[in-house]
C-alpha atoms as a PDB file:
ATOM      1  CA  MET A   1      17.523  26.595  25.953  1.00  0.00           C
ATOM      2  CA  ASP A   2      19.803  29.677  26.686  1.00  0.00           C
ATOM      3  CA  ILE A   3      18.813  32.912  28.322  1.00  0.00           C
ATOM      4  CA  THR A   4      20.255  35.779  26.433  1.00  0.00           C
ATOM      5  CA  PRO A   5      19.824  39.435  27.613  1.00  0.00           C
ATOM      6  CA  VAL A   6      18.132  41.674  24.831  1.00  0.00           C
ATOM      7  CA  ALA A   7      19.802  45.106  24.265  1.00  0.00           C
ATOM      8  CA  THR A   8      16.219  46.764  24.267  1.00  0.00           C
ATOM      9  CA  GLY A   9      14.799  46.810  27.763  1.00  0.00           C
ATOM     10  CA  GLY A  10      17.491  44.649  29.200  1.00  0.00           C
ATOM     11  CA  LEU A  11      14.989  41.799  29.671  1.00  0.00           C
ATOM     12  CA  PRO A  12      16.202  38.377  29.198  1.00  0.00           C
ATOM     13  CA  ARG A  13      14.628  36.470  26.197  1.00  0.00           C
ATOM     14  CA  PRO A  14      14.827  32.666  25.766  1.00  0.00           C
ATOM     15  CA  VAL A  15      16.962  31.787  22.733  1.00  0.00           C
ATOM     16  CA  PRO A  16      16.642  28.107  21.529  1.00  0.00           C
ATOM     17  CA  ALA A  17      19.934  26.221  21.716  1.00  0.00           C
ATOM     18  CA  ALA A  18      21.476  24.861  18.663  1.00  0.00           C
ATOM     19  CA  ALA A  19      20.149  21.449  17.532  1.00  0.00           C
ATOM     20  CA  PRO A  20      22.658  18.674  17.843  1.00  0.00           C
ATOM     21  CA  PRO A  21      23.971  17.056  14.566  1.00  0.00           C
ATOM     22  CA  VAL A  22      21.490  14.303  13.587  1.00  0.00           C
ATOM     23  CA  ARG A  23      23.463  10.971  12.985  1.00  0.00           C
ATOM     24  CA  SER A  24      22.857   9.293   9.638  1.00  0.00           C
ATOM     25  CA  GLU A  25      20.871   6.247  10.540  1.00  0.00           C
ATOM     26  CA  ALA A  26      21.283   4.983   7.007  1.00  0.00           C
ATOM     27  CA  ARG A  27      25.186   5.047   7.622  1.00  0.00           C
ATOM     28  CA  ALA A  28      24.871   3.460  10.996  1.00  0.00           C
ATOM     29  CA  ALA A  29      22.709   0.717   9.561  1.00  0.00           C
ATOM     30  CA  LEU A  30      25.187   0.036   6.866  1.00  0.00           C
ATOM     31  CA  LYS A  31      27.894  -0.419   9.452  1.00  0.00           C
ATOM     32  CA  ASP A  32      25.658  -2.667  11.457  1.00  0.00           C
ATOM     33  CA  SER A  33      24.735  -4.852   8.516  1.00  0.00           C
ATOM     34  CA  ALA A  34      28.257  -5.011   6.861  1.00  0.00           C
ATOM     35  CA  GLY A  35      29.142  -8.275   8.575  1.00  0.00           C
ATOM     36  CA  VAL A  36      25.844 -10.035   7.686  1.00  0.00           C
ATOM     37  CA  GLY A  37      26.043  -8.536   4.186  1.00  0.00           C
ATOM     38  CA  LEU A  38      29.330 -10.360   3.643  1.00  0.00           C
ATOM     39  CA  GLY A  39      27.714 -13.532   4.731  1.00  0.00           C
ATOM     40  CA  PHE A  40      24.774 -12.803   2.361  1.00  0.00           C
ATOM     41  CA  LEU A  41      27.051 -12.405  -0.596  1.00  0.00           C
ATOM     42  CA  PRO A  42      28.166 -16.138  -1.032  1.00  0.00           C
ATOM     43  CA  LEU A  43      24.805 -17.403   0.129  1.00  0.00           C
ATOM     44  CA  GLY A  44      22.889 -15.336  -2.401  1.00  0.00           C
ATOM     45  CA  LEU A  45      25.450 -16.218  -5.155  1.00  0.00           C
ATOM     46  CA  ALA A  46      24.974 -19.867  -4.210  1.00  0.00           C
ATOM     47  CA  PHE A  47      21.150 -19.573  -4.291  1.00  0.00           C
ATOM     48  CA  GLY A  48      21.203 -17.856  -7.781  1.00  0.00           C
ATOM     49  CA  ALA A  49      23.682 -20.433  -9.194  1.00  0.00           C
ATOM     50  CA  LEU A  50      21.397 -23.122  -7.676  1.00  0.00           C
ATOM     51  CA  VAL A  51      18.386 -21.601  -9.387  1.00  0.00           C
ATOM     52  CA  THR A  52      19.912 -21.683 -12.900  1.00  0.00           C
ATOM     53  CA  GLN A  53      21.486 -25.140 -12.418  1.00  0.00           C
ATOM     54  CA  SER A  54      17.996 -26.314 -11.604  1.00  0.00           C
ATOM     55  CA  GLY A  55      16.670 -25.185 -14.978  1.00  0.00           C
ATOM     56  CA  LEU A  56      14.855 -22.103 -13.861  1.00  0.00           C
ATOM     57  CA  ASP A  57      15.280 -18.714 -15.675  1.00  0.00           C
ATOM     58  CA  TRP A  58      17.819 -16.214 -14.152  1.00  0.00           C
ATOM     59  CA  TRP A  59      15.161 -13.671 -13.224  1.00  0.00           C
ATOM     60  CA  TRP A  60      13.436 -16.286 -10.950  1.00  0.00           C
ATOM     61  CA  ALA A  61      16.155 -15.847  -8.416  1.00  0.00           C
ATOM     62  CA  GLY A  62      15.840 -12.072  -8.133  1.00  0.00           C
ATOM     63  CA  LEU A  63      12.091 -12.247  -8.022  1.00  0.00           C
ATOM     64  CA  SER A  64      12.050 -14.869  -5.343  1.00  0.00           C
ATOM     65  CA  ALA A  65      14.692 -12.979  -3.299  1.00  0.00           C
ATOM     66  CA  ALA A  66      12.660  -9.666  -3.467  1.00  0.00           C
ATOM     67  CA  LEU A  67       9.235 -10.989  -2.944  1.00  0.00           C
ATOM     68  CA  VAL A  68       9.499 -14.257  -0.950  1.00  0.00           C
ATOM     69  CA  PHE A  69      12.585 -13.242   1.049  1.00  0.00           C
ATOM     70  CA  GLY A  70      12.443 -16.520   2.817  1.00  0.00           C
ATOM     71  CA  GLY A  71      16.031 -17.647   2.970  1.00  0.00           C
ATOM     72  CA  SER A  72      15.823 -21.360   3.904  1.00  0.00           C
ATOM     73  CA  PHE A  73      12.410 -21.675   2.401  1.00  0.00           C
ATOM     74  CA  GLU A  74      13.736 -20.291  -0.979  1.00  0.00           C
ATOM     75  CA  PHE A  75      16.287 -23.078  -1.118  1.00  0.00           C
ATOM     76  CA  LEU A  76      13.423 -25.620  -0.532  1.00  0.00           C
ATOM     77  CA  LEU A  77      11.070 -23.903  -2.958  1.00  0.00           C
ATOM     78  CA  ILE A  78      13.580 -24.468  -5.863  1.00  0.00           C
ATOM     79  CA  GLY A  79      13.073 -28.316  -5.521  1.00  0.00           C
ATOM     80  CA  MET A  80       9.330 -27.878  -5.161  1.00  0.00           C
ATOM     81  CA  VAL A  81       8.878 -25.715  -8.181  1.00  0.00           C
ATOM     82  CA  THR A  82      11.009 -27.868 -10.520  1.00  0.00           C
ATOM     83  CA  ALA A  83       9.085 -30.974  -9.099  1.00  0.00           C
ATOM     84  CA  SER A  84       5.860 -29.215  -9.840  1.00  0.00           C
ATOM     85  CA  ALA A  85       4.720 -29.623  -6.274  1.00  0.00           C
ATOM     86  CA  PRO A  86       0.986 -28.721  -5.575  1.00  0.00           C
ATOM     87  CA  LEU A  87       0.101 -25.236  -4.365  1.00  0.00           C
ATOM     88  CA  ALA A  88      -1.218 -26.596  -1.160  1.00  0.00           C
ATOM     89  CA  ALA A  89       2.013 -28.465  -0.375  1.00  0.00           C
ATOM     90  CA  ILE A  90       4.149 -25.234  -1.092  1.00  0.00           C
ATOM     91  CA  ALA A  91       1.916 -23.298   1.323  1.00  0.00           C
ATOM     92  CA  VAL A  92       2.167 -25.906   4.091  1.00  0.00           C
ATOM     93  CA  SER A  93       5.930 -26.144   3.613  1.00  0.00           C
ATOM     94  CA  ALA A  94       6.228 -22.291   3.848  1.00  0.00           C
ATOM     95  CA  LEU A  95       4.152 -22.342   7.064  1.00  0.00           C
ATOM     96  CA  LEU A  96       6.251 -24.951   8.687  1.00  0.00           C
ATOM     97  CA  VAL A  97       9.652 -23.559   7.778  1.00  0.00           C
ATOM     98  CA  ASN A  98       8.691 -19.832   8.729  1.00  0.00           C
ATOM     99  CA  VAL A  99       6.531 -20.435  11.746  1.00  0.00           C
ATOM    100  CA  ARG A 100       9.625 -19.447  13.899  1.00  0.00           C
ATOM    101  CA  HIS A 101       8.777 -15.987  12.991  1.00  0.00           C
ATOM    102  CA  VAL A 102       5.826 -16.166  15.182  1.00  0.00           C
ATOM    103  CA  PHE A 103       8.098 -16.563  18.199  1.00  0.00           C
ATOM    104  CA  TYR A 104      10.344 -13.878  16.851  1.00  0.00           C
ATOM    105  CA  ALA A 105       7.586 -11.249  17.094  1.00  0.00           C
ATOM    106  CA  LEU A 106       7.453 -11.650  20.837  1.00  0.00           C
ATOM    107  CA  SER A 107      10.779  -9.873  21.281  1.00  0.00           C
ATOM    108  CA  PHE A 108      11.362  -8.118  17.959  1.00  0.00           C
ATOM    109  CA  PRO A 109      11.433  -4.378  18.603  1.00  0.00           C
ATOM    110  CA  LEU A 110       8.485  -3.398  16.298  1.00  0.00           C
ATOM    111  CA  HIS A 111       7.295  -0.870  18.724  1.00  0.00           C
ATOM    112  CA  ARG A 112      10.187   1.474  17.949  1.00  0.00           C
ATOM    113  CA  VAL A 113       9.068   1.613  14.225  1.00  0.00           C
ATOM    114  CA  THR A 114       6.741   4.443  13.585  1.00  0.00           C
ATOM    115  CA  GLY A 115       4.099   4.717  10.824  1.00  0.00           C
ATOM    116  CA  ARG A 116       1.695   1.871   9.351  1.00  0.00           C
ATOM    117  CA  LEU A 117       3.849   1.502   6.254  1.00  0.00           C
ATOM    118  CA  GLY A 118       7.142   1.186   8.284  1.00  0.00           C
ATOM    119  CA  LYS A 119       5.478  -1.535  10.651  1.00  0.00           C
ATOM    120  CA  ALA A 120       4.151  -3.334   7.678  1.00  0.00           C
ATOM    121  CA  TYR A 121       7.657  -3.487   5.908  1.00  0.00           C
ATOM    122  CA  SER A 122       9.578  -4.259   9.018  1.00  0.00           C
ATOM    123  CA  THR A 123       7.191  -7.165   9.778  1.00  0.00           C
ATOM    124  CA  TYR A 124       7.530  -8.334   6.110  1.00  0.00           C
ATOM    125  CA  ALA A 125      11.291  -8.100   6.236  1.00  0.00           C
ATOM    126  CA  MET A 126      11.831  -9.675   9.660  1.00  0.00           C
ATOM    127  CA  CYS A 127      14.363 -12.372   8.806  1.00  0.00           C
ATOM    128  CA  ASP A 128      16.700 -14.369  11.037  1.00  0.00           C
ATOM    129  CA  GLU A 129      19.593 -12.142  10.613  1.00  0.00           C
ATOM    130  CA  ALA A 130      17.566  -8.950  11.257  1.00  0.00           C
ATOM    131  CA  TYR A 131      16.190 -10.389  14.536  1.00  0.00           C
ATOM    132  CA  ALA A 132      19.557 -11.565  15.601  1.00  0.00           C
ATOM    133  CA  LEU A 133      20.958  -8.030  15.093  1.00  0.00           C
ATOM    134  CA  THR A 134      18.123  -5.889  16.471  1.00  0.00           C
ATOM    135  CA  THR A 135      17.560  -8.006  19.732  1.00  0.00           C
ATOM    136  CA  GLY A 136      21.146  -7.864  20.964  1.00  0.00           C
ATOM    137  CA  GLU A 137      22.387  -5.834  23.807  1.00  0.00           C
ATOM    138  CA  ARG A 138      23.938  -3.215  21.868  1.00  0.00           C
ATOM    139  CA  ALA A 139      20.746  -2.624  19.715  1.00  0.00           C
ATOM    140  CA  ARG A 140      18.470  -1.751  22.678  1.00  0.00           C
ATOM    141  CA  THR A 141      18.873   2.000  21.995  1.00  0.00           C
ATOM    142  CA  TRP A 142      18.341   1.790  18.242  1.00  0.00           C
ATOM    143  CA  PRO A 143      15.691   4.007  16.745  1.00  0.00           C
ATOM    144  CA  GLY A 144      12.841   2.692  14.416  1.00  0.00           C
ATOM    145  CA  ARG A 145      14.475   4.515  11.439  1.00  0.00           C
ATOM    146  CA  ARG A 146      17.824   2.631  11.976  1.00  0.00           C
ATOM    147  CA  ILE A 147      15.940  -0.693  12.297  1.00  0.00           C
ATOM    148  CA  LEU A 148      14.124  -0.041   8.977  1.00  0.00           C
ATOM    149  CA  TRP A 149      17.421   0.824   7.173  1.00  0.00           C
ATOM    150  CA  LEU A 150      19.032  -2.257   8.657  1.00  0.00           C
ATOM    151  CA  GLN A 151      16.064  -4.421   7.291  1.00  0.00           C
ATOM    152  CA  PHE A 152      16.200  -2.799   3.966  1.00  0.00           C
ATOM    153  CA  LEU A 153      19.908  -3.158   3.490  1.00  0.00           C
ATOM    154  CA  LEU A 154      19.663  -6.902   4.384  1.00  0.00           C
ATOM    155  CA  HIS A 155      16.831  -7.323   1.840  1.00  0.00           C
ATOM    156  CA  LEU A 156      18.842  -5.547  -0.820  1.00  0.00           C
ATOM    157  CA  TYR A 157      22.126  -7.585  -0.077  1.00  0.00           C
ATOM    158  CA  TRP A 158      20.008 -10.866  -0.513  1.00  0.00           C
ATOM    159  CA  ALA A 159      18.143  -9.683  -3.656  1.00  0.00           C
ATOM    160  CA  GLY A 160      21.250  -8.306  -5.242  1.00  0.00           C
ATOM    161  CA  SER A 161      23.554 -11.289  -4.523  1.00  0.00           C
ATOM    162  CA  SER A 162      20.962 -13.833  -5.665  1.00  0.00           C
ATOM    163  CA  THR A 163      20.458 -11.976  -8.871  1.00  0.00           C
ATOM    164  CA  ALA A 164      24.149 -11.815  -9.503  1.00  0.00           C
ATOM    165  CA  GLY A 165      24.499 -15.551  -8.665  1.00  0.00           C
ATOM    166  CA  ALA A 166      21.903 -16.383 -11.236  1.00  0.00           C
ATOM    167  CA  LEU A 167      23.582 -14.310 -13.898  1.00  0.00           C
ATOM    168  CA  LEU A 168      26.929 -15.829 -13.183  1.00  0.00           C
ATOM    169  CA  GLY A 169      25.483 -19.279 -12.620  1.00  0.00           C
ATOM    170  CA  SER A 170      26.262 -20.495 -16.108  1.00  0.00           C
ATOM    171  CA  LEU A 171      30.046 -20.008 -15.312  1.00  0.00           C
ATOM    172  CA  ILE A 172      29.903 -22.392 -12.406  1.00  0.00           C
ATOM    173  CA  PRO A 173      30.555 -26.142 -13.593  1.00  0.00           C
ATOM    174  CA  GLY A 174      27.612 -28.500 -12.989  1.00  0.00           C
ATOM    175  CA  SER A 175      29.899 -30.863 -10.964  1.00  0.00           C
ATOM    176  CA  VAL A 176      30.125 -28.374  -8.164  1.00  0.00           C
ATOM    177  CA  THR A 177      28.144 -29.624  -5.138  1.00  0.00           C
ATOM    178  CA  GLY A 178      27.315 -28.177  -1.684  1.00  0.00           C
ATOM    179  CA  LEU A 179      26.063 -24.741  -2.686  1.00  0.00           C
ATOM    180  CA  ASP A 180      22.905 -25.505  -0.689  1.00  0.00           C
ATOM    181  CA  PHE A 181      25.044 -25.887   2.514  1.00  0.00           C
ATOM    182  CA  ALA A 182      25.827 -22.107   2.361  1.00  0.00           C
ATOM    183  CA  LEU A 183      22.631 -21.505   4.475  1.00  0.00           C
ATOM    184  CA  THR A 184      23.382 -24.015   7.137  1.00  0.00           C
ATOM    185  CA  ALA A 185      26.873 -22.510   7.500  1.00  0.00           C
ATOM    186  CA  LEU A 186      25.385 -19.115   7.978  1.00  0.00           C
ATOM    187  CA  PHE A 187      23.024 -20.173  10.584  1.00  0.00           C
ATOM    188  CA  ALA A 188      25.951 -21.850  12.382  1.00  0.00           C
ATOM    189  CA  VAL A 189      27.839 -18.604  12.509  1.00  0.00           C
ATOM    190  CA  LEU A 190      24.777 -16.606  13.825  1.00  0.00           C
ATOM    191  CA  ALA A 191      24.305 -19.333  16.392  1.00  0.00           C
ATOM    192  CA  LEU A 192      27.865 -19.043  17.680  1.00  0.00           C
ATOM    193  CA  ASP A 193      27.532 -15.204  17.767  1.00  0.00           C
ATOM    194  CA  ALA A 194      24.390 -15.510  19.591  1.00  0.00           C
ATOM    195  CA  LEU A 195      26.036 -17.873  22.109  1.00  0.00           C
ATOM    196  CA  GLN A 196      28.800 -15.389  22.829  1.00  0.00           C
ATOM    197  CA  GLY A 197      26.000 -12.890  23.948  1.00  0.00           C
ATOM    198  CA  LEU A 198      24.437 -15.109  26.461  1.00  0.00           C
ATOM    199  CA  ARG A 199      27.124 -14.290  28.990  1.00  0.00           C
ATOM    200  CA  GLY A 200      27.336 -17.767  30.597  1.00  0.00           C
ATOM    201  CA  ASP A 201      23.650 -18.692  30.322  1.00  0.00           C
ATOM    202  CA  VAL A 202      24.321 -22.379  29.713  1.00  0.00           C
ATOM    203  CA  PRO A 203      20.623 -23.693  30.246  1.00  0.00           C
ATOM    204  CA  THR A 204      19.284 -21.751  27.238  1.00  0.00           C
ATOM    205  CA  PRO A 205      21.529 -23.474  24.478  1.00  0.00           C
ATOM    206  CA  ALA A 206      21.152 -26.685  26.340  1.00  0.00           C
ATOM    207  CA  LEU A 207      17.291 -26.486  26.160  1.00  0.00           C
ATOM    208  CA  ALA A 208      17.547 -25.618  22.373  1.00  0.00           C
ATOM    209  CA  VAL A 209      19.686 -28.780  21.824  1.00  0.00           C
ATOM    210  CA  LEU A 210      17.440 -31.059  23.842  1.00  0.00           C
ATOM    211  CA  SER A 211      14.384 -29.588  22.025  1.00  0.00           C
ATOM    212  CA  ALA A 212      15.917 -30.387  18.625  1.00  0.00           C
ATOM    213  CA  LEU A 213      16.942 -33.837  19.745  1.00  0.00           C
ATOM    214  CA  GLY A 214      13.527 -34.684  21.170  1.00  0.00           C
ATOM    215  CA  ALA A 215      11.816 -33.280  17.972  1.00  0.00           C
ATOM    216  CA  ARG A 216      14.244 -35.545  15.789  1.00  0.00           C
ATOM    217  CA  LEU A 217      13.240 -38.683  17.837  1.00  0.00           C
ATOM    218  CA  LEU A 218       9.545 -38.047  18.290  1.00  0.00           C
ATOM    219  CA  VAL A 219       8.481 -36.257  15.011  1.00  0.00           C
ATOM    220  CA  PRO A 220      11.249 -36.395  12.447  1.00  0.00           C
ATOM    221  CA  GLY A 221       8.884 -35.439   9.561  1.00  0.00           C
ATOM    222  CA  GLN A 222       8.002 -32.071  11.184  1.00  0.00           C
ATOM    223  CA  MET A 223      11.231 -31.623  13.373  1.00  0.00           C
ATOM    224  CA  LEU A 224      11.415 -27.624  12.887  1.00  0.00           C
ATOM    225  CA  LEU A 225       7.899 -26.910  14.147  1.00  0.00           C
ATOM    226  CA  ALA A 226       8.150 -29.599  16.949  1.00  0.00           C
ATOM    227  CA  ALA A 227      11.676 -28.284  18.038  1.00  0.00           C
ATOM    228  CA  PHE A 228      10.191 -24.837  18.243  1.00  0.00           C
ATOM    229  CA  ALA A 229       7.321 -25.820  20.047  1.00  0.00           C
ATOM    230  CA  LEU A 230       9.330 -27.845  22.643  1.00  0.00           C
ATOM    231  CA  PHE A 231      11.780 -25.043  23.103  1.00  0.00           C
ATOM    232  CA  THR A 232       9.119 -22.545  23.715  1.00  0.00           C
ATOM    233  CA  ALA A 233       7.422 -24.713  26.168  1.00  0.00           C
ATOM    234  CA  ALA A 234      10.719 -25.233  28.018  1.00  0.00           C
ATOM    235  CA  LEU A 235      11.446 -21.446  28.092  1.00  0.00           C
ATOM    236  CA  LEU A 236       7.913 -20.764  29.510  1.00  0.00           C
ATOM    237  CA  ALA A 237       8.247 -23.400  32.244  1.00  0.00           C
ATOM    238  CA  ARG A 238      11.572 -22.145  33.247  1.00  0.00           C
ATOM    239  CA  HIS A 239      10.232 -18.637  33.323  1.00  0.00           C
ATOM    240  CA  LEU A 240       7.310 -19.731  35.576  1.00  0.00           C
ATOM    241  CA  THR A 241       9.513 -21.611  37.773  1.00  0.00           C
ATOM    242  CA  THR A 242      11.957 -18.839  38.370  1.00  0.00           C
ATOM    243  CA  SER A 243       9.224 -16.153  38.803  1.00  0.00           C
ATOM    244  CA  ARG A 244       7.642 -18.157  41.592  1.00  0.00           C
ATOM    245  CA  LYS A 245      10.842 -18.277  43.657  1.00  0.00           C
ATOM    246  CA  PRO A 246      10.721 -16.105  46.765  1.00  0.00           C
ATOM    247  CA  ARG A 247      12.869 -12.852  46.429  1.00  0.00           C
ATOM    248  CA  HIS A 248      15.313 -12.295  49.149  1.00  0.00           C
ATOM    249  CA  ALA A 249      15.954  -8.655  50.298  1.00  0.00           C
END
């Protein structure tokens, strides 16, 4: 704070310094999420079109995107709903597909988010893209409000584009195929972006590939869960091995 002399008595009196301008966290989050939002647009449109082409009502796409917000599981859910799959089978499939979020929670910056409501929504809206954006090198100084805005915008992108895709789905010819591959394409782009931030750490992607191949050979029916388990075990083993090495001065 500044020390400014007062005319009466000539004694100095502390005067609070002017507060610095507060940066709009919503505007910053909008800039941060713009790239993924552009990726969500064709993906959501594809999901919405796939919903209507599967014989479901258009509003089902928006409701699923807003409440389930499961990305890859939502694509799987379309076939299960149209096939009238048992509720227990849907619940088990949801667990197997989304169990990766348990591992995300180990490094997701939830501790920066304040308030019970904010933490609850941040936990609910922790999708793959939000995790990739908030755990990067440049996101280490982001405050909780910016993280919440980022997650809300990603949620909005997905729900809005899915609803628009369902409304426009009738305009897409039924002969068009490959709409469900849009999710795989987005994951491929995110994986390439993550590889660029590893800074030459070749063992990590190598362990991921080996874990996926091992899961494919050993338990192809539960490849996703087995791959994550193998990858986590490999990372823990590597961490224990490197931490036990003697440190040189």
